[in-house]
Amino acid sequence: MESLEELLQKAETAHGHLCAGQILGVRMAMLGLDRLGIADPRGADRKRLVTFVEIDRCATDAIGMVTDAGWASEP
């Protein structure tokens, strides 16, 4: 997995700005992946992960960017 700095740069680019929510989301996603033993969420481990995020804020964008999880929303 990329370093924190690399992921923060990608999160900033994807989201449009870097803020506390982006930093929190990147760190949360990195911790979750580490605890689950998922080293390559965009490659070999892609099918092993489903994320549930119950907020619609900046952290959500960062979690999706780090985990490469797609979005589904309830009507």
N, C-alpha and C. Protein backbone atom coordinates (compact mmCIF):
# COMPACT_ATOMS: atom_id res chain seq x y z
N MET A 1 0.84 -1.18 0.00
CA MET A 1 0.00 0.00 0.00
C MET A 1 0.89 1.24 0.00
N GLU A 2 0.39 2.31 -0.56
CA GLU A 2 1.13 3.56 -0.58
C GLU A 2 1.29 4.14 0.82
N SER A 3 2.19 5.09 0.94
CA SER A 3 2.43 5.74 2.23
C SER A 3 1.28 6.72 2.53
N LEU A 4 1.24 7.16 3.78
CA LEU A 4 0.24 8.14 4.20
C LEU A 4 0.33 9.39 3.34
N GLU A 5 1.54 9.88 3.10
CA GLU A 5 1.72 11.10 2.32
C GLU A 5 1.19 10.94 0.89
N GLU A 6 1.49 9.79 0.28
CA GLU A 6 1.02 9.55 -1.08
C GLU A 6 -0.51 9.46 -1.13
N LEU A 7 -1.09 8.79 -0.16
CA LEU A 7 -2.54 8.67 -0.13
C LEU A 7 -3.21 10.01 0.14
N LEU A 8 -2.61 10.84 0.98
CA LEU A 8 -3.17 12.17 1.23
C LEU A 8 -3.13 13.03 -0.03
N GLN A 9 -2.06 12.92 -0.81
CA GLN A 9 -1.99 13.66 -2.07
C GLN A 9 -3.07 13.19 -3.03
N LYS A 10 -3.28 11.88 -3.13
CA LYS A 10 -4.34 11.35 -3.99
C LYS A 10 -5.72 11.78 -3.50
N ALA A 11 -5.91 11.77 -2.19
CA ALA A 11 -7.19 12.18 -1.62
C ALA A 11 -7.47 13.65 -1.92
N GLU A 12 -6.45 14.48 -1.79
CA GLU A 12 -6.61 15.90 -2.09
C GLU A 12 -6.98 16.11 -3.55
N THR A 13 -6.33 15.41 -4.44
CA THR A 13 -6.63 15.52 -5.87
C THR A 13 -8.05 15.05 -6.16
N ALA A 14 -8.44 13.93 -5.61
CA ALA A 14 -9.76 13.37 -5.87
C ALA A 14 -10.88 14.22 -5.27
N HIS A 15 -10.65 14.80 -4.11
CA HIS A 15 -11.68 15.53 -3.38
C HIS A 15 -11.71 17.02 -3.72
N GLY A 16 -10.56 17.55 -4.12
CA GLY A 16 -10.51 18.97 -4.47
C GLY A 16 -9.79 19.82 -3.45
N HIS A 17 -9.66 19.34 -2.23
CA HIS A 17 -8.91 20.05 -1.20
C HIS A 17 -8.55 19.06 -0.09
N LEU A 18 -7.56 19.42 0.70
CA LEU A 18 -7.18 18.59 1.83
C LEU A 18 -7.73 19.23 3.10
N CYS A 19 -8.44 18.45 3.87
CA CYS A 19 -9.04 18.95 5.10
C CYS A 19 -8.95 17.87 6.17
N ALA A 20 -9.41 18.20 7.36
CA ALA A 20 -9.35 17.25 8.47
C ALA A 20 -10.11 15.97 8.16
N GLY A 21 -11.23 16.07 7.47
CA GLY A 21 -12.01 14.89 7.11
C GLY A 21 -11.26 13.97 6.17
N GLN A 22 -10.52 14.54 5.25
CA GLN A 22 -9.71 13.74 4.34
C GLN A 22 -8.61 13.00 5.09
N ILE A 23 -7.95 13.71 5.98
CA ILE A 23 -6.87 13.10 6.76
C ILE A 23 -7.43 11.96 7.63
N LEU A 24 -8.55 12.23 8.31
CA LEU A 24 -9.18 11.21 9.14
C LEU A 24 -9.61 10.01 8.32
N GLY A 25 -10.23 10.24 7.17
CA GLY A 25 -10.69 9.14 6.32
C GLY A 25 -9.55 8.28 5.81
N VAL A 26 -8.46 8.90 5.39
CA VAL A 26 -7.30 8.15 4.91
C VAL A 26 -6.74 7.30 6.04
N ARG A 27 -6.58 7.89 7.20
CA ARG A 27 -6.00 7.15 8.33
C ARG A 27 -6.93 6.02 8.79
N MET A 28 -8.25 6.27 8.81
CA MET A 28 -9.20 5.23 9.19
C MET A 28 -9.14 4.06 8.20
N ALA A 29 -9.11 4.37 6.92
CA ALA A 29 -9.06 3.32 5.91
C ALA A 29 -7.77 2.52 6.00
N MET A 30 -6.65 3.21 6.20
CA MET A 30 -5.37 2.51 6.33
C MET A 30 -5.38 1.58 7.55
N LEU A 31 -5.92 2.05 8.66
CA LEU A 31 -5.99 1.23 9.88
C LEU A 31 -6.89 0.02 9.65
N GLY A 32 -8.04 0.24 9.05
CA GLY A 32 -8.96 -0.87 8.79
C GLY A 32 -8.35 -1.91 7.88
N LEU A 33 -7.70 -1.48 6.81
CA LEU A 33 -7.05 -2.42 5.90
C LEU A 33 -5.96 -3.21 6.61
N ASP A 34 -5.19 -2.51 7.45
CA ASP A 34 -4.13 -3.18 8.19
C ASP A 34 -4.70 -4.25 9.13
N ARG A 35 -5.74 -3.89 9.85
CA ARG A 35 -6.33 -4.84 10.81
C ARG A 35 -6.99 -6.03 10.13
N LEU A 36 -7.48 -5.81 8.91
CA LEU A 36 -8.09 -6.90 8.15
C LEU A 36 -7.07 -7.72 7.37
N GLY A 37 -5.82 -7.26 7.35
CA GLY A 37 -4.78 -7.97 6.61
C GLY A 37 -4.88 -7.79 5.11
N ILE A 38 -5.43 -6.68 4.69
CA ILE A 38 -5.56 -6.39 3.25
C ILE A 38 -4.46 -5.44 2.85
N ALA A 39 -3.54 -5.94 2.03
CA ALA A 39 -2.37 -5.16 1.64
C ALA A 39 -2.58 -4.46 0.30
N ASP A 40 -3.45 -4.98 -0.55
CA ASP A 40 -3.61 -4.45 -1.90
C ASP A 40 -5.09 -4.31 -2.24
N PRO A 41 -5.76 -3.28 -1.70
CA PRO A 41 -7.20 -3.17 -1.89
C PRO A 41 -7.62 -2.88 -3.33
N ARG A 42 -6.70 -2.41 -4.15
CA ARG A 42 -7.03 -2.13 -5.55
C ARG A 42 -6.61 -3.25 -6.50
N GLY A 43 -5.97 -4.27 -5.95
CA GLY A 43 -5.45 -5.34 -6.80
C GLY A 43 -5.90 -6.71 -6.32
N ALA A 44 -4.95 -7.48 -5.81
CA ALA A 44 -5.20 -8.87 -5.44
C ALA A 44 -6.29 -9.02 -4.38
N ASP A 45 -6.40 -8.07 -3.48
CA ASP A 45 -7.39 -8.17 -2.39
C ASP A 45 -8.70 -7.46 -2.71
N ARG A 46 -8.89 -7.04 -3.94
CA ARG A 46 -10.03 -6.21 -4.31
C ARG A 46 -11.38 -6.81 -3.95
N LYS A 47 -11.53 -8.08 -4.12
CA LYS A 47 -12.83 -8.73 -3.87
C LYS A 47 -13.06 -9.10 -2.41
N ARG A 48 -12.09 -8.82 -1.55
CA ARG A 48 -12.21 -9.20 -0.14
C ARG A 48 -12.80 -8.11 0.74
N LEU A 49 -13.16 -6.98 0.17
CA LEU A 49 -13.53 -5.83 0.99
C LEU A 49 -14.85 -5.22 0.57
N VAL A 50 -15.70 -4.98 1.55
CA VAL A 50 -16.93 -4.21 1.37
C VAL A 50 -16.91 -3.14 2.45
N THR A 51 -17.18 -1.91 2.09
CA THR A 51 -17.17 -0.84 3.09
C THR A 51 -18.58 -0.29 3.29
N PHE A 52 -18.87 0.09 4.52
CA PHE A 52 -20.11 0.76 4.88
C PHE A 52 -19.72 2.06 5.57
N VAL A 53 -20.11 3.17 5.01
CA VAL A 53 -19.81 4.47 5.61
C VAL A 53 -21.14 5.19 5.77
N GLU A 54 -21.48 5.55 6.98
CA GLU A 54 -22.79 6.11 7.25
C GLU A 54 -22.77 7.62 7.42
N ILE A 55 -21.82 8.27 6.78
CA ILE A 55 -21.80 9.72 6.76
C ILE A 55 -21.57 10.18 5.34
N ASP A 56 -21.95 11.37 5.03
CA ASP A 56 -21.75 11.91 3.70
C ASP A 56 -20.88 13.16 3.82
N ARG A 57 -19.63 12.95 4.18
CA ARG A 57 -18.71 14.05 4.42
C ARG A 57 -17.40 13.76 3.72
N CYS A 58 -16.43 14.59 3.97
CA CYS A 58 -15.11 14.48 3.34
C CYS A 58 -14.43 13.15 3.62
N ALA A 59 -14.58 12.62 4.82
CA ALA A 59 -13.94 11.35 5.17
C ALA A 59 -14.42 10.22 4.27
N THR A 60 -15.67 10.28 3.85
CA THR A 60 -16.22 9.25 2.98
C THR A 60 -15.47 9.18 1.66
N ASP A 61 -15.16 10.33 1.08
CA ASP A 61 -14.38 10.36 -0.16
C ASP A 61 -13.01 9.73 0.03
N ALA A 62 -12.37 10.03 1.14
CA ALA A 62 -11.04 9.50 1.40
C ALA A 62 -11.08 7.99 1.60
N ILE A 63 -12.06 7.50 2.32
CA ILE A 63 -12.19 6.05 2.54
C ILE A 63 -12.38 5.34 1.21
N GLY A 64 -13.23 5.87 0.37
CA GLY A 64 -13.44 5.28 -0.94
C GLY A 64 -12.21 5.31 -1.82
N MET A 65 -11.44 6.38 -1.74
CA MET A 65 -10.23 6.50 -2.55
C MET A 65 -9.18 5.49 -2.10
N VAL A 66 -8.99 5.33 -0.79
CA VAL A 66 -7.97 4.41 -0.27
C VAL A 66 -8.38 2.96 -0.54
N THR A 67 -9.63 2.62 -0.31
CA THR A 67 -10.08 1.24 -0.43
C THR A 67 -10.50 0.86 -1.84
N ASP A 68 -10.70 1.85 -2.69
CA ASP A 68 -11.20 1.66 -4.05
C ASP A 68 -12.59 1.03 -4.04
N ALA A 69 -13.35 1.31 -2.99
CA ALA A 69 -14.71 0.78 -2.88
C ALA A 69 -15.65 1.65 -3.71
N GLY A 70 -16.56 1.01 -4.38
CA GLY A 70 -17.56 1.74 -5.16
C GLY A 70 -18.64 2.31 -4.26
N TRP A 71 -19.48 3.14 -4.82
CA TRP A 71 -20.53 3.79 -4.04
C TRP A 71 -21.89 3.21 -4.37
N ALA A 72 -22.67 3.02 -3.37
CA ALA A 72 -24.08 2.67 -3.53
C ALA A 72 -24.82 3.51 -2.50
N SER A 73 -25.94 4.05 -2.88
CA SER A 73 -26.68 4.85 -1.92
C SER A 73 -28.13 4.39 -1.87
N GLU A 74 -28.72 4.54 -0.71
CA GLU A 74 -30.12 4.19 -0.55
C GLU A 74 -30.97 5.36 -0.98
N PRO A 75 -32.09 5.09 -1.61
CA PRO A 75 -32.98 6.20 -2.01
C PRO A 75 -33.59 6.91 -0.84
